[in-house]
Amino acid sequence: MVGTGARSATRSIGNQTLPVDRETRLSLVDIEEPIEIEEPILDTGLMANLLDFIKERELMQLFYEDGIEPSNSILFTGSPGVGKTYTAHWISYKLGLPLISLNLATSISSYLGRSGQNIKSVFDYAKAQPTILFLDEFDAIAKRRDDEGDLGELKRLVNVLLKEIELCPKSSAILAATNHPELLDRAMWRRFDRVIELTLPGQEESEKLIERHIPAGKYNLSNDVRIYMSRHCTGVSAADICKICEQIKRQIVMNPSDDIDMLALKELFTRIRPREKTERIRACKMLKQNCQSLTTREIAGIVGTSAATVSRDLKEGDSNDK
């Protein structure tokens, strides 16, 4: 998911002094207050896992009364654009807690021991009162200690992280995200209560994303084109689907007299070219049926092939329908 709408700040929370690097005096964190955002569109199993975590946090007192420790940490894995950062902001909103994001650029230092000191300062700040600490690009600071190519400083940093995560009070939560789980130190996995892999959206999730960004009540996009778009976007990241939808809306505003289906399909195929012959045939047929004003040459330009190939594809598509 893209576009959280959250506000970032470098001020302190409560009476706590903002953690800064000792030499540069630059802030080690970015602070974002919780604001209302729509829930991420995810597989039902993934969403159930997230809702369980949120419910545990909301019922912490009951857990304590029964001598049970609630979960307070999640490691998010998954490809770029699947919604790891967006989901962290949504959890912040649902729990009503500020999101404190580690600033890697200011926290990692070339001076011996400085990075570990900075990380400890950030954890001390996050632990002082209920907050959510977000460690994005986690693999940058939690790499395997058996990697001989890494400097000793990074290995010391991993040791600091392991200790700080383990000692973090349950009143605060830790969310970490990585695109490269294979790079993480093996001991890191055991420090997190939950590991959630956010996957690329399937057709159902793609349909919901398209409807959220191009709602039927506002945009007269045909149902056939909506279904086709969701199928064509299967396996594409949520962030990319959102970008396609936003660009389609821009085209609608700039070209109010043009057919919406045509604008949507043109933008779709411009950004996601048909990868296989069967996909290309479907694309050519879809354009021909829904954008009758397009010439064969124009269709060829949209799908990225020759006019002769489009002619053959359309004939083959017609014969397959018989």
C-alpha atoms as a PDB file:
ATOM      1  CA  MET A   1       0.000   0.000   0.000  1.00  0.00           C
ATOM      2  CA  VAL A   2       1.131   3.537  -0.593  1.00  0.00           C
ATOM      3  CA  GLY A   3       0.403   6.936   0.878  1.00  0.00           C
ATOM      4  CA  THR A   4      -0.116   6.745   4.612  1.00  0.00           C
ATOM      5  CA  GLY A   5      -0.845  10.422   5.045  1.00  0.00           C
ATOM      6  CA  ALA A   6       0.959  10.311   8.389  1.00  0.00           C
ATOM      7  CA  ARG A   7       2.688  13.416   9.664  1.00  0.00           C
ATOM      8  CA  SER A   8       6.380  13.187  10.438  1.00  0.00           C
ATOM      9  CA  ALA A   9       8.165  15.158  13.107  1.00  0.00           C
ATOM     10  CA  THR A  10      11.480  15.318  14.860  1.00  0.00           C
ATOM     11  CA  ARG A  11      10.115  16.638  18.144  1.00  0.00           C
ATOM     12  CA  SER A  12      10.179  14.673  21.369  1.00  0.00           C
ATOM     13  CA  ILE A  13       7.334  12.692  22.907  1.00  0.00           C
ATOM     14  CA  GLY A  14       6.227  13.789  26.360  1.00  0.00           C
ATOM     15  CA  ASN A  15       9.153  14.873  28.515  1.00  0.00           C
ATOM     16  CA  GLN A  16      11.659  12.598  26.831  1.00  0.00           C
ATOM     17  CA  THR A  17      14.670  14.205  25.172  1.00  0.00           C
ATOM     18  CA  LEU A  18      14.849  13.387  21.483  1.00  0.00           C
ATOM     19  CA  PRO A  19      17.715  10.928  20.784  1.00  0.00           C
ATOM     20  CA  VAL A  20      20.437  12.474  18.629  1.00  0.00           C
ATOM     21  CA  ASP A  21      23.839  11.400  17.365  1.00  0.00           C
ATOM     22  CA  ARG A  22      26.520  12.638  19.755  1.00  0.00           C
ATOM     23  CA  GLU A  23      28.722  14.136  17.036  1.00  0.00           C
ATOM     24  CA  THR A  24      26.325  15.356  14.339  1.00  0.00           C
ATOM     25  CA  ARG A  25      23.461  16.269  16.726  1.00  0.00           C
ATOM     26  CA  LEU A  26      21.053  14.935  14.101  1.00  0.00           C
ATOM     27  CA  SER A  27      17.894  13.148  15.208  1.00  0.00           C
ATOM     28  CA  LEU A  28      18.090   9.346  15.246  1.00  0.00           C
ATOM     29  CA  VAL A  29      14.344   8.900  14.780  1.00  0.00           C
ATOM     30  CA  ASP A  30      11.338  10.198  12.886  1.00  0.00           C
ATOM     31  CA  ILE A  31       8.115  10.454  14.896  1.00  0.00           C
ATOM     32  CA  GLU A  32       4.655  10.161  13.342  1.00  0.00           C
ATOM     33  CA  GLU A  33       1.441  10.613  15.269  1.00  0.00           C
ATOM     34  CA  PRO A  34      -1.286   8.023  14.638  1.00  0.00           C
ATOM     35  CA  ILE A  35      -3.871   9.219  12.139  1.00  0.00           C
ATOM     36  CA  GLU A  36      -6.789   7.360  10.619  1.00  0.00           C
ATOM     37  CA  ILE A  37      -5.995   5.375   7.477  1.00  0.00           C
ATOM     38  CA  GLU A  38      -7.813   2.555   5.703  1.00  0.00           C
ATOM     39  CA  GLU A  39      -6.881  -0.977   6.625  1.00  0.00           C
ATOM     40  CA  PRO A  40      -4.397  -2.693   4.306  1.00  0.00           C
ATOM     41  CA  ILE A  41      -5.889  -4.980   1.682  1.00  0.00           C
ATOM     42  CA  LEU A  42      -4.348  -8.340   2.430  1.00  0.00           C
ATOM     43  CA  ASP A  43      -5.057 -12.042   2.251  1.00  0.00           C
ATOM     44  CA  THR A  44      -7.660 -12.992   4.886  1.00  0.00           C
ATOM     45  CA  GLY A  45      -5.173 -15.169   6.772  1.00  0.00           C
ATOM     46  CA  LEU A  46      -2.639 -12.349   7.001  1.00  0.00           C
ATOM     47  CA  MET A  47      -5.284  -9.893   8.153  1.00  0.00           C
ATOM     48  CA  ALA A  48      -6.472 -12.329  10.828  1.00  0.00           C
ATOM     49  CA  ASN A  49      -2.898 -12.560  12.133  1.00  0.00           C
ATOM     50  CA  LEU A  50      -2.629  -8.765  12.344  1.00  0.00           C
ATOM     51  CA  LEU A  51      -5.992  -8.426  14.071  1.00  0.00           C
ATOM     52  CA  ASP A  52      -4.943 -11.042  16.629  1.00  0.00           C
ATOM     53  CA  PHE A  53      -1.827  -9.005  17.418  1.00  0.00           C
ATOM     54  CA  ILE A  54      -3.865  -5.820  17.799  1.00  0.00           C
ATOM     55  CA  LYS A  55      -6.393  -7.565  20.047  1.00  0.00           C
ATOM     56  CA  GLU A  56      -3.595  -8.887  22.259  1.00  0.00           C
ATOM     57  CA  ARG A  57      -2.250  -5.360  22.648  1.00  0.00           C
ATOM     58  CA  GLU A  58      -5.714  -4.046  23.514  1.00  0.00           C
ATOM     59  CA  LEU A  59      -6.240  -6.779  26.143  1.00  0.00           C
ATOM     60  CA  MET A  60      -2.793  -6.543  27.736  1.00  0.00           C
ATOM     61  CA  GLN A  61      -4.169  -6.006  31.234  1.00  0.00           C
ATOM     62  CA  LEU A  62      -6.209  -9.218  31.063  1.00  0.00           C
ATOM     63  CA  PHE A  63      -3.116 -11.101  29.932  1.00  0.00           C
ATOM     64  CA  TYR A  64      -1.121  -9.717  32.856  1.00  0.00           C
ATOM     65  CA  GLU A  65      -3.848 -10.696  35.325  1.00  0.00           C
ATOM     66  CA  ASP A  66      -3.612 -14.286  34.074  1.00  0.00           C
ATOM     67  CA  GLY A  67       0.178 -14.262  34.168  1.00  0.00           C
ATOM     68  CA  ILE A  68       0.465 -14.315  30.368  1.00  0.00           C
ATOM     69  CA  GLU A  69       2.755 -12.075  28.349  1.00  0.00           C
ATOM     70  CA  PRO A  70       1.119 -10.491  25.282  1.00  0.00           C
ATOM     71  CA  SER A  71       2.890 -10.317  21.944  1.00  0.00           C
ATOM     72  CA  ASN A  72       4.781  -7.096  21.361  1.00  0.00           C
ATOM     73  CA  SER A  73       6.832  -7.675  18.210  1.00  0.00           C
ATOM     74  CA  ILE A  74       6.320  -8.495  14.536  1.00  0.00           C
ATOM     75  CA  LEU A  75       8.876  -9.067  11.805  1.00  0.00           C
ATOM     76  CA  PHE A  76       7.390  -8.248   8.396  1.00  0.00           C
ATOM     77  CA  THR A  77       8.974  -9.833   5.336  1.00  0.00           C
ATOM     78  CA  GLY A  78       8.028  -9.576   1.680  1.00  0.00           C
ATOM     79  CA  SER A  79       8.854  -8.024  -1.655  1.00  0.00           C
ATOM     80  CA  PRO A  80       9.079  -4.242  -2.082  1.00  0.00           C
ATOM     81  CA  GLY A  81       5.688  -2.568  -2.357  1.00  0.00           C
ATOM     82  CA  VAL A  82       3.584  -5.228  -0.606  1.00  0.00           C
ATOM     83  CA  GLY A  83       2.606  -2.879   2.232  1.00  0.00           C
ATOM     84  CA  LYS A  84       5.024  -3.454   5.115  1.00  0.00           C
ATOM     85  CA  THR A  85       5.429   0.235   5.967  1.00  0.00           C
ATOM     86  CA  TYR A  86       1.753   0.988   5.357  1.00  0.00           C
ATOM     87  CA  THR A  87       0.771  -1.842   7.692  1.00  0.00           C
ATOM     88  CA  ALA A  88       3.050  -0.453  10.403  1.00  0.00           C
ATOM     89  CA  HIS A  89       1.277   2.914  10.150  1.00  0.00           C
ATOM     90  CA  TRP A  90      -2.114   1.186  10.270  1.00  0.00           C
ATOM     91  CA  ILE A  91      -1.160  -0.690  13.450  1.00  0.00           C
ATOM     92  CA  SER A  92      -0.040   2.646  14.924  1.00  0.00           C
ATOM     93  CA  TYR A  93      -3.484   4.084  14.123  1.00  0.00           C
ATOM     94  CA  LYS A  94      -5.385   1.073  15.491  1.00  0.00           C
ATOM     95  CA  LEU A  95      -3.447   1.119  18.773  1.00  0.00           C
ATOM     96  CA  GLY A  96      -3.409   4.912  19.032  1.00  0.00           C
ATOM     97  CA  LEU A  97       0.349   4.994  19.593  1.00  0.00           C
ATOM     98  CA  PRO A  98       2.999   7.168  17.909  1.00  0.00           C
ATOM     99  CA  LEU A  99       5.239   5.441  15.393  1.00  0.00           C
ATOM    100  CA  ILE A 100       8.941   5.993  16.066  1.00  0.00           C
ATOM    101  CA  SER A 101      10.965   5.095  12.969  1.00  0.00           C
ATOM    102  CA  LEU A 102      14.699   4.493  13.192  1.00  0.00           C
ATOM    103  CA  ASN A 103      16.588   6.854  10.880  1.00  0.00           C
ATOM    104  CA  LEU A 104      19.291   4.646   9.369  1.00  0.00           C
ATOM    105  CA  ALA A 105      21.138   7.547   7.747  1.00  0.00           C
ATOM    106  CA  THR A 106      21.837   9.245  11.074  1.00  0.00           C
ATOM    107  CA  SER A 107      22.044   6.148  13.292  1.00  0.00           C
ATOM    108  CA  ILE A 108      24.769   4.208  11.492  1.00  0.00           C
ATOM    109  CA  SER A 109      28.197   5.680  12.221  1.00  0.00           C
ATOM    110  CA  SER A 110      31.688   4.891  10.977  1.00  0.00           C
ATOM    111  CA  TYR A 111      33.067   5.485  14.474  1.00  0.00           C
ATOM    112  CA  LEU A 112      33.796   2.409  16.559  1.00  0.00           C
ATOM    113  CA  GLY A 113      30.877   1.581  18.850  1.00  0.00           C
ATOM    114  CA  ARG A 114      28.853   4.662  17.886  1.00  0.00           C
ATOM    115  CA  SER A 115      26.160   2.776  15.935  1.00  0.00           C
ATOM    116  CA  GLY A 116      25.442   0.507  18.887  1.00  0.00           C
ATOM    117  CA  GLN A 117      25.223   3.512  21.212  1.00  0.00           C
ATOM    118  CA  ASN A 118      22.788   5.200  18.833  1.00  0.00           C
ATOM    119  CA  ILE A 119      20.581   2.114  18.593  1.00  0.00           C
ATOM    120  CA  LYS A 120      20.513   1.792  22.386  1.00  0.00           C
ATOM    121  CA  SER A 121      19.521   5.464  22.675  1.00  0.00           C
ATOM    122  CA  VAL A 122      16.639   4.873  20.270  1.00  0.00           C
ATOM    123  CA  PHE A 123      15.413   1.851  22.234  1.00  0.00           C
ATOM    124  CA  ASP A 124      15.700   3.762  25.523  1.00  0.00           C
ATOM    125  CA  TYR A 125      13.589   6.524  24.011  1.00  0.00           C
ATOM    126  CA  ALA A 126      10.953   4.098  22.691  1.00  0.00           C
ATOM    127  CA  LYS A 127      10.790   2.187  25.990  1.00  0.00           C
ATOM    128  CA  ALA A 128      10.193   5.266  28.159  1.00  0.00           C
ATOM    129  CA  GLN A 129       6.453   5.232  27.426  1.00  0.00           C
ATOM    130  CA  PRO A 130       4.043   3.203  25.252  1.00  0.00           C
ATOM    131  CA  THR A 131       5.068   3.622  21.619  1.00  0.00           C
ATOM    132  CA  ILE A 132       5.654   1.589  18.478  1.00  0.00           C
ATOM    133  CA  LEU A 133       9.261   1.368  17.333  1.00  0.00           C
ATOM    134  CA  PHE A 134       9.534   0.716  13.589  1.00  0.00           C
ATOM    135  CA  LEU A 135      12.783  -0.706  12.228  1.00  0.00           C
ATOM    136  CA  ASP A 136      12.492  -0.470   8.447  1.00  0.00           C
ATOM    137  CA  GLU A 137      15.136  -2.032   6.169  1.00  0.00           C
ATOM    138  CA  PHE A 138      15.953  -4.240   9.140  1.00  0.00           C
ATOM    139  CA  ASP A 139      18.516  -6.283   7.212  1.00  0.00           C
ATOM    140  CA  ALA A 140      20.787  -3.210   7.136  1.00  0.00           C
ATOM    141  CA  ILE A 141      21.388  -3.483  10.889  1.00  0.00           C
ATOM    142  CA  ALA A 142      20.574  -7.138  11.651  1.00  0.00           C
ATOM    143  CA  LYS A 143      22.807  -9.021   9.207  1.00  0.00           C
ATOM    144  CA  ARG A 144      24.123 -12.496   9.864  1.00  0.00           C
ATOM    145  CA  ARG A 145      27.133 -12.455  12.155  1.00  0.00           C
ATOM    146  CA  ASP A 146      28.696 -15.338  10.223  1.00  0.00           C
ATOM    147  CA  ASP A 147      29.103 -13.100   7.148  1.00  0.00           C
ATOM    148  CA  GLU A 148      32.888 -12.778   6.898  1.00  0.00           C
ATOM    149  CA  GLY A 149      32.588  -9.816   4.549  1.00  0.00           C
ATOM    150  CA  ASP A 150      31.008  -7.610   7.207  1.00  0.00           C
ATOM    151  CA  LEU A 151      32.889  -5.367   9.579  1.00  0.00           C
ATOM    152  CA  GLY A 152      33.127  -6.178  13.267  1.00  0.00           C
ATOM    153  CA  GLU A 153      31.151  -3.019  14.012  1.00  0.00           C
ATOM    154  CA  LEU A 154      28.038  -4.486  12.357  1.00  0.00           C
ATOM    155  CA  LYS A 155      28.429  -7.689  14.349  1.00  0.00           C
ATOM    156  CA  ARG A 156      28.567  -5.686  17.565  1.00  0.00           C
ATOM    157  CA  LEU A 157      25.475  -3.828  16.417  1.00  0.00           C
ATOM    158  CA  VAL A 158      23.593  -7.119  16.009  1.00  0.00           C
ATOM    159  CA  ASN A 159      24.509  -8.057  19.580  1.00  0.00           C
ATOM    160  CA  VAL A 160      23.107  -4.742  20.818  1.00  0.00           C
ATOM    161  CA  LEU A 161      19.904  -5.280  18.831  1.00  0.00           C
ATOM    162  CA  LEU A 162      19.394  -8.790  20.172  1.00  0.00           C
ATOM    163  CA  LYS A 163      19.710  -7.557  23.738  1.00  0.00           C
ATOM    164  CA  GLU A 164      17.515  -4.479  23.295  1.00  0.00           C
ATOM    165  CA  ILE A 165      14.697  -6.365  21.555  1.00  0.00           C
ATOM    166  CA  GLU A 166      14.711  -8.993  24.292  1.00  0.00           C
ATOM    167  CA  LEU A 167      14.599  -6.376  27.063  1.00  0.00           C
ATOM    168  CA  CYS A 168      11.929  -4.185  25.459  1.00  0.00           C
ATOM    169  CA  PRO A 169       8.956  -3.904  27.860  1.00  0.00           C
ATOM    170  CA  LYS A 170       5.602  -5.236  26.699  1.00  0.00           C
ATOM    171  CA  SER A 171       4.116  -1.753  27.046  1.00  0.00           C
ATOM    172  CA  SER A 172       5.860  -0.819  23.790  1.00  0.00           C
ATOM    173  CA  ALA A 173       5.768  -2.706  20.499  1.00  0.00           C
ATOM    174  CA  ILE A 174       8.498  -3.383  17.965  1.00  0.00           C
ATOM    175  CA  LEU A 175       7.781  -3.726  14.253  1.00  0.00           C
ATOM    176  CA  ALA A 176      10.589  -4.570  11.839  1.00  0.00           C
ATOM    177  CA  ALA A 177      10.464  -4.912   8.062  1.00  0.00           C
ATOM    178  CA  THR A 178      12.813  -6.395   5.497  1.00  0.00           C
ATOM    179  CA  ASN A 179      12.837  -7.196   1.792  1.00  0.00           C
ATOM    180  CA  HIS A 180      15.736  -9.600   2.360  1.00  0.00           C
ATOM    181  CA  PRO A 181      14.951 -12.045   5.187  1.00  0.00           C
ATOM    182  CA  GLU A 182      17.751 -14.334   4.019  1.00  0.00           C
ATOM    183  CA  LEU A 183      20.292 -11.738   5.210  1.00  0.00           C
ATOM    184  CA  LEU A 184      19.074 -11.641   8.809  1.00  0.00           C
ATOM    185  CA  ASP A 185      21.046 -13.153  11.648  1.00  0.00           C
ATOM    186  CA  ARG A 186      19.435 -16.439  12.658  1.00  0.00           C
ATOM    187  CA  ALA A 187      19.072 -15.369  16.284  1.00  0.00           C
ATOM    188  CA  MET A 188      16.898 -12.414  15.209  1.00  0.00           C
ATOM    189  CA  TRP A 189      14.038 -14.666  14.168  1.00  0.00           C
ATOM    190  CA  ARG A 190      13.624 -15.956  17.726  1.00  0.00           C
ATOM    191  CA  ARG A 191      13.344 -12.428  19.125  1.00  0.00           C
ATOM    192  CA  PHE A 192      10.050 -11.723  17.355  1.00  0.00           C
ATOM    193  CA  ASP A 193       6.701 -13.021  18.602  1.00  0.00           C
ATOM    194  CA  ARG A 194       5.291 -13.112  15.085  1.00  0.00           C
ATOM    195  CA  VAL A 195       6.833 -13.323  11.632  1.00  0.00           C
ATOM    196  CA  ILE A 196       4.393 -12.236   8.925  1.00  0.00           C
ATOM    197  CA  GLU A 197       5.234 -12.537   5.244  1.00  0.00           C
ATOM    198  CA  LEU A 198       3.212 -10.035   3.236  1.00  0.00           C
ATOM    199  CA  THR A 199       2.610 -11.511  -0.204  1.00  0.00           C
ATOM    200  CA  LEU A 200       1.851  -9.969  -3.577  1.00  0.00           C
ATOM    201  CA  PRO A 201      -1.898  -9.443  -4.068  1.00  0.00           C
ATOM    202  CA  GLY A 202      -3.937 -12.101  -5.831  1.00  0.00           C
ATOM    203  CA  GLN A 203      -6.899 -11.330  -8.064  1.00  0.00           C
ATOM    204  CA  GLU A 204      -9.296 -10.782  -5.150  1.00  0.00           C
ATOM    205  CA  GLU A 205      -6.958  -8.322  -3.435  1.00  0.00           C
ATOM    206  CA  SER A 206      -6.272  -6.596  -6.774  1.00  0.00           C
ATOM    207  CA  GLU A 207     -10.021  -6.121  -7.322  1.00  0.00           C
ATOM    208  CA  LYS A 208     -10.372  -4.525  -3.889  1.00  0.00           C
ATOM    209  CA  LEU A 209      -7.399  -2.226  -4.479  1.00  0.00           C
ATOM    210  CA  ILE A 210      -8.813  -1.071  -7.812  1.00  0.00           C
ATOM    211  CA  GLU A 211     -12.249  -0.464  -6.281  1.00  0.00           C
ATOM    212  CA  ARG A 212     -10.713   1.494  -3.399  1.00  0.00           C
ATOM    213  CA  HIS A 213      -8.771   3.808  -5.709  1.00  0.00           C
ATOM    214  CA  ILE A 214     -11.241   3.929  -8.629  1.00  0.00           C
ATOM    215  CA  PRO A 215     -14.608   3.531  -6.844  1.00  0.00           C
ATOM    216  CA  ALA A 216     -17.525   2.477  -9.040  1.00  0.00           C
ATOM    217  CA  GLY A 217     -19.740   5.121  -7.467  1.00  0.00           C
ATOM    218  CA  LYS A 218     -17.497   7.869  -8.827  1.00  0.00           C
ATOM    219  CA  TYR A 219     -15.867   6.456 -11.962  1.00  0.00           C
ATOM    220  CA  ASN A 220     -17.863   4.798 -14.730  1.00  0.00           C
ATOM    221  CA  LEU A 221     -15.301   2.084 -15.400  1.00  0.00           C
ATOM    222  CA  SER A 222     -17.021  -0.999 -16.833  1.00  0.00           C
ATOM    223  CA  ASN A 223     -17.127  -4.170 -14.767  1.00  0.00           C
ATOM    224  CA  ASP A 224     -15.458  -6.131 -17.591  1.00  0.00           C
ATOM    225  CA  VAL A 225     -12.468  -3.783 -17.537  1.00  0.00           C
ATOM    226  CA  ARG A 226     -12.293  -3.879 -13.731  1.00  0.00           C
ATOM    227  CA  ILE A 227     -12.176  -7.679 -13.748  1.00  0.00           C
ATOM    228  CA  TYR A 228      -9.629  -7.709 -16.559  1.00  0.00           C
ATOM    229  CA  MET A 229      -7.422  -5.198 -14.740  1.00  0.00           C
ATOM    230  CA  SER A 230      -7.480  -7.282 -11.546  1.00  0.00           C
ATOM    231  CA  ARG A 231      -6.430 -10.391 -13.483  1.00  0.00           C
ATOM    232  CA  HIS A 232      -3.710  -8.562 -15.371  1.00  0.00           C
ATOM    233  CA  CYS A 233      -2.392  -7.080 -12.106  1.00  0.00           C
ATOM    234  CA  THR A 234      -2.153 -10.421 -10.305  1.00  0.00           C
ATOM    235  CA  GLY A 235       1.414 -10.776  -9.064  1.00  0.00           C
ATOM    236  CA  VAL A 236       2.021  -7.011  -9.241  1.00  0.00           C
ATOM    237  CA  SER A 237       2.788  -5.206  -5.971  1.00  0.00           C
ATOM    238  CA  ALA A 238       0.038  -3.284  -4.192  1.00  0.00           C
ATOM    239  CA  ALA A 239       2.123  -0.116  -4.491  1.00  0.00           C
ATOM    240  CA  ASP A 240       2.326  -0.482  -8.278  1.00  0.00           C
ATOM    241  CA  ILE A 241      -1.415  -1.178  -8.573  1.00  0.00           C
ATOM    242  CA  CYS A 242      -2.114   1.991  -6.594  1.00  0.00           C
ATOM    243  CA  LYS A 243       0.201   3.987  -8.870  1.00  0.00           C
ATOM    244  CA  ILE A 244      -1.575   2.654 -11.970  1.00  0.00           C
ATOM    245  CA  CYS A 245      -4.962   3.613 -10.517  1.00  0.00           C
ATOM    246  CA  GLU A 246      -3.777   7.108  -9.620  1.00  0.00           C
ATOM    247  CA  GLN A 247      -2.396   7.628 -13.117  1.00  0.00           C
ATOM    248  CA  ILE A 248      -5.673   6.437 -14.647  1.00  0.00           C
ATOM    249  CA  LYS A 249      -7.528   9.067 -12.605  1.00  0.00           C
ATOM    250  CA  ARG A 250      -5.103  11.732 -13.819  1.00  0.00           C
ATOM    251  CA  GLN A 251      -5.786  10.698 -17.407  1.00  0.00           C
ATOM    252  CA  ILE A 252      -9.539  10.893 -16.777  1.00  0.00           C
ATOM    253  CA  VAL A 253      -9.202  14.464 -15.493  1.00  0.00           C
ATOM    254  CA  MET A 254      -6.936  15.526 -18.379  1.00  0.00           C
ATOM    255  CA  ASN A 255      -9.067  13.818 -21.043  1.00  0.00           C
ATOM    256  CA  PRO A 256     -12.695  14.233 -19.889  1.00  0.00           C
ATOM    257  CA  SER A 257     -14.175  13.530 -23.323  1.00  0.00           C
ATOM    258  CA  ASP A 258     -12.315  10.229 -23.809  1.00  0.00           C
ATOM    259  CA  ASP A 259     -13.804   6.849 -22.976  1.00  0.00           C
ATOM    260  CA  ILE A 260     -12.818   5.808 -19.431  1.00  0.00           C
ATOM    261  CA  ASP A 261     -12.355   2.149 -20.378  1.00  0.00           C
ATOM    262  CA  MET A 262      -9.954   3.147 -23.133  1.00  0.00           C
ATOM    263  CA  LEU A 263      -7.954   5.424 -20.825  1.00  0.00           C
ATOM    264  CA  ALA A 264      -7.746   2.703 -18.170  1.00  0.00           C
ATOM    265  CA  LEU A 265      -6.627  -0.032 -20.559  1.00  0.00           C
ATOM    266  CA  LYS A 266      -4.087   2.207 -22.281  1.00  0.00           C
ATOM    267  CA  GLU A 267      -2.532   3.131 -18.940  1.00  0.00           C
ATOM    268  CA  LEU A 268      -2.628  -0.476 -17.730  1.00  0.00           C
ATOM    269  CA  PHE A 269      -0.785  -1.859 -20.752  1.00  0.00           C
ATOM    270  CA  THR A 270       1.645   1.050 -20.841  1.00  0.00           C
ATOM    271  CA  ARG A 271       2.790   0.140 -17.334  1.00  0.00           C
ATOM    272  CA  ILE A 272       2.356  -3.656 -17.423  1.00  0.00           C
ATOM    273  CA  ARG A 273       3.098  -5.081 -20.856  1.00  0.00           C
ATOM    274  CA  PRO A 274       1.550  -8.472 -21.658  1.00  0.00           C
ATOM    275  CA  ARG A 275       4.260 -11.008 -20.838  1.00  0.00           C
ATOM    276  CA  GLU A 276       3.123 -14.028 -22.858  1.00  0.00           C
ATOM    277  CA  LYS A 277       1.378 -14.622 -26.162  1.00  0.00           C
ATOM    278  CA  THR A 278      -1.924 -15.614 -24.558  1.00  0.00           C
ATOM    279  CA  GLU A 279      -1.843 -12.437 -22.448  1.00  0.00           C
ATOM    280  CA  ARG A 280      -1.061 -10.353 -25.526  1.00  0.00           C
ATOM    281  CA  ILE A 281      -3.971 -11.886 -27.439  1.00  0.00           C
ATOM    282  CA  ARG A 282      -6.342 -11.121 -24.564  1.00  0.00           C
ATOM    283  CA  ALA A 283      -4.976  -7.579 -24.332  1.00  0.00           C
ATOM    284  CA  CYS A 284      -5.445  -6.923 -28.059  1.00  0.00           C
ATOM    285  CA  LYS A 285      -8.963  -8.326 -27.957  1.00  0.00           C
ATOM    286  CA  MET A 286      -9.848  -6.298 -24.864  1.00  0.00           C
ATOM    287  CA  LEU A 287      -8.636  -3.087 -26.491  1.00  0.00           C
ATOM    288  CA  LYS A 288     -10.481  -3.822 -29.725  1.00  0.00           C
ATOM    289  CA  GLN A 289     -13.752  -4.577 -27.937  1.00  0.00           C
ATOM    290  CA  ASN A 290     -13.681  -1.702 -25.466  1.00  0.00           C
ATOM    291  CA  CYS A 291     -11.835   0.938 -27.491  1.00  0.00           C
ATOM    292  CA  GLN A 292     -13.334   0.622 -30.964  1.00  0.00           C
ATOM    293  CA  SER A 293     -11.869   3.926 -32.103  1.00  0.00           C
ATOM    294  CA  LEU A 294      -8.318   2.545 -31.795  1.00  0.00           C
ATOM    295  CA  THR A 295      -6.569   1.447 -34.971  1.00  0.00           C
ATOM    296  CA  THR A 296      -4.510  -1.719 -35.229  1.00  0.00           C
ATOM    297  CA  ARG A 297      -1.348   0.381 -35.233  1.00  0.00           C
ATOM    298  CA  GLU A 298      -2.442   2.239 -32.077  1.00  0.00           C
ATOM    299  CA  ILE A 299      -3.188  -1.052 -30.315  1.00  0.00           C
ATOM    300  CA  ALA A 300       0.260  -2.283 -31.339  1.00  0.00           C
ATOM    301  CA  GLY A 301       1.852   0.769 -29.751  1.00  0.00           C
ATOM    302  CA  ILE A 302      -0.050   0.221 -26.511  1.00  0.00           C
ATOM    303  CA  VAL A 303       0.806  -3.481 -26.079  1.00  0.00           C
ATOM    304  CA  GLY A 304       4.364  -3.070 -27.393  1.00  0.00           C
ATOM    305  CA  THR A 305       4.311  -5.148 -30.558  1.00  0.00           C
ATOM    306  CA  SER A 306       3.879  -4.727 -34.323  1.00  0.00           C
ATOM    307  CA  ALA A 307       0.652  -4.006 -36.184  1.00  0.00           C
ATOM    308  CA  ALA A 308       1.035  -7.289 -38.087  1.00  0.00           C
ATOM    309  CA  THR A 309       1.277  -9.204 -34.811  1.00  0.00           C
ATOM    310  CA  VAL A 310      -1.854  -7.474 -33.510  1.00  0.00           C
ATOM    311  CA  SER A 311      -3.752  -8.460 -36.666  1.00  0.00           C
ATOM    312  CA  ARG A 312      -2.698 -12.097 -36.222  1.00  0.00           C
ATOM    313  CA  ASP A 313      -3.539 -12.005 -32.517  1.00  0.00           C
ATOM    314  CA  LEU A 314      -7.020 -10.628 -33.175  1.00  0.00           C
ATOM    315  CA  LYS A 315      -7.703 -13.293 -35.809  1.00  0.00           C
ATOM    316  CA  GLU A 316      -6.403 -16.014 -33.499  1.00  0.00           C
ATOM    317  CA  GLY A 317      -8.514 -14.657 -30.664  1.00  0.00           C
ATOM    318  CA  ASP A 318     -11.619 -14.714 -32.879  1.00  0.00           C
ATOM    319  CA  SER A 319     -10.939 -18.303 -33.970  1.00  0.00           C
ATOM    320  CA  ASN A 320     -10.467 -19.403 -30.348  1.00  0.00           C
ATOM    321  CA  ASP A 321     -13.885 -17.969 -29.470  1.00  0.00           C
ATOM    322  CA  LYS A 322     -15.637 -20.058 -32.113  1.00  0.00           C
END
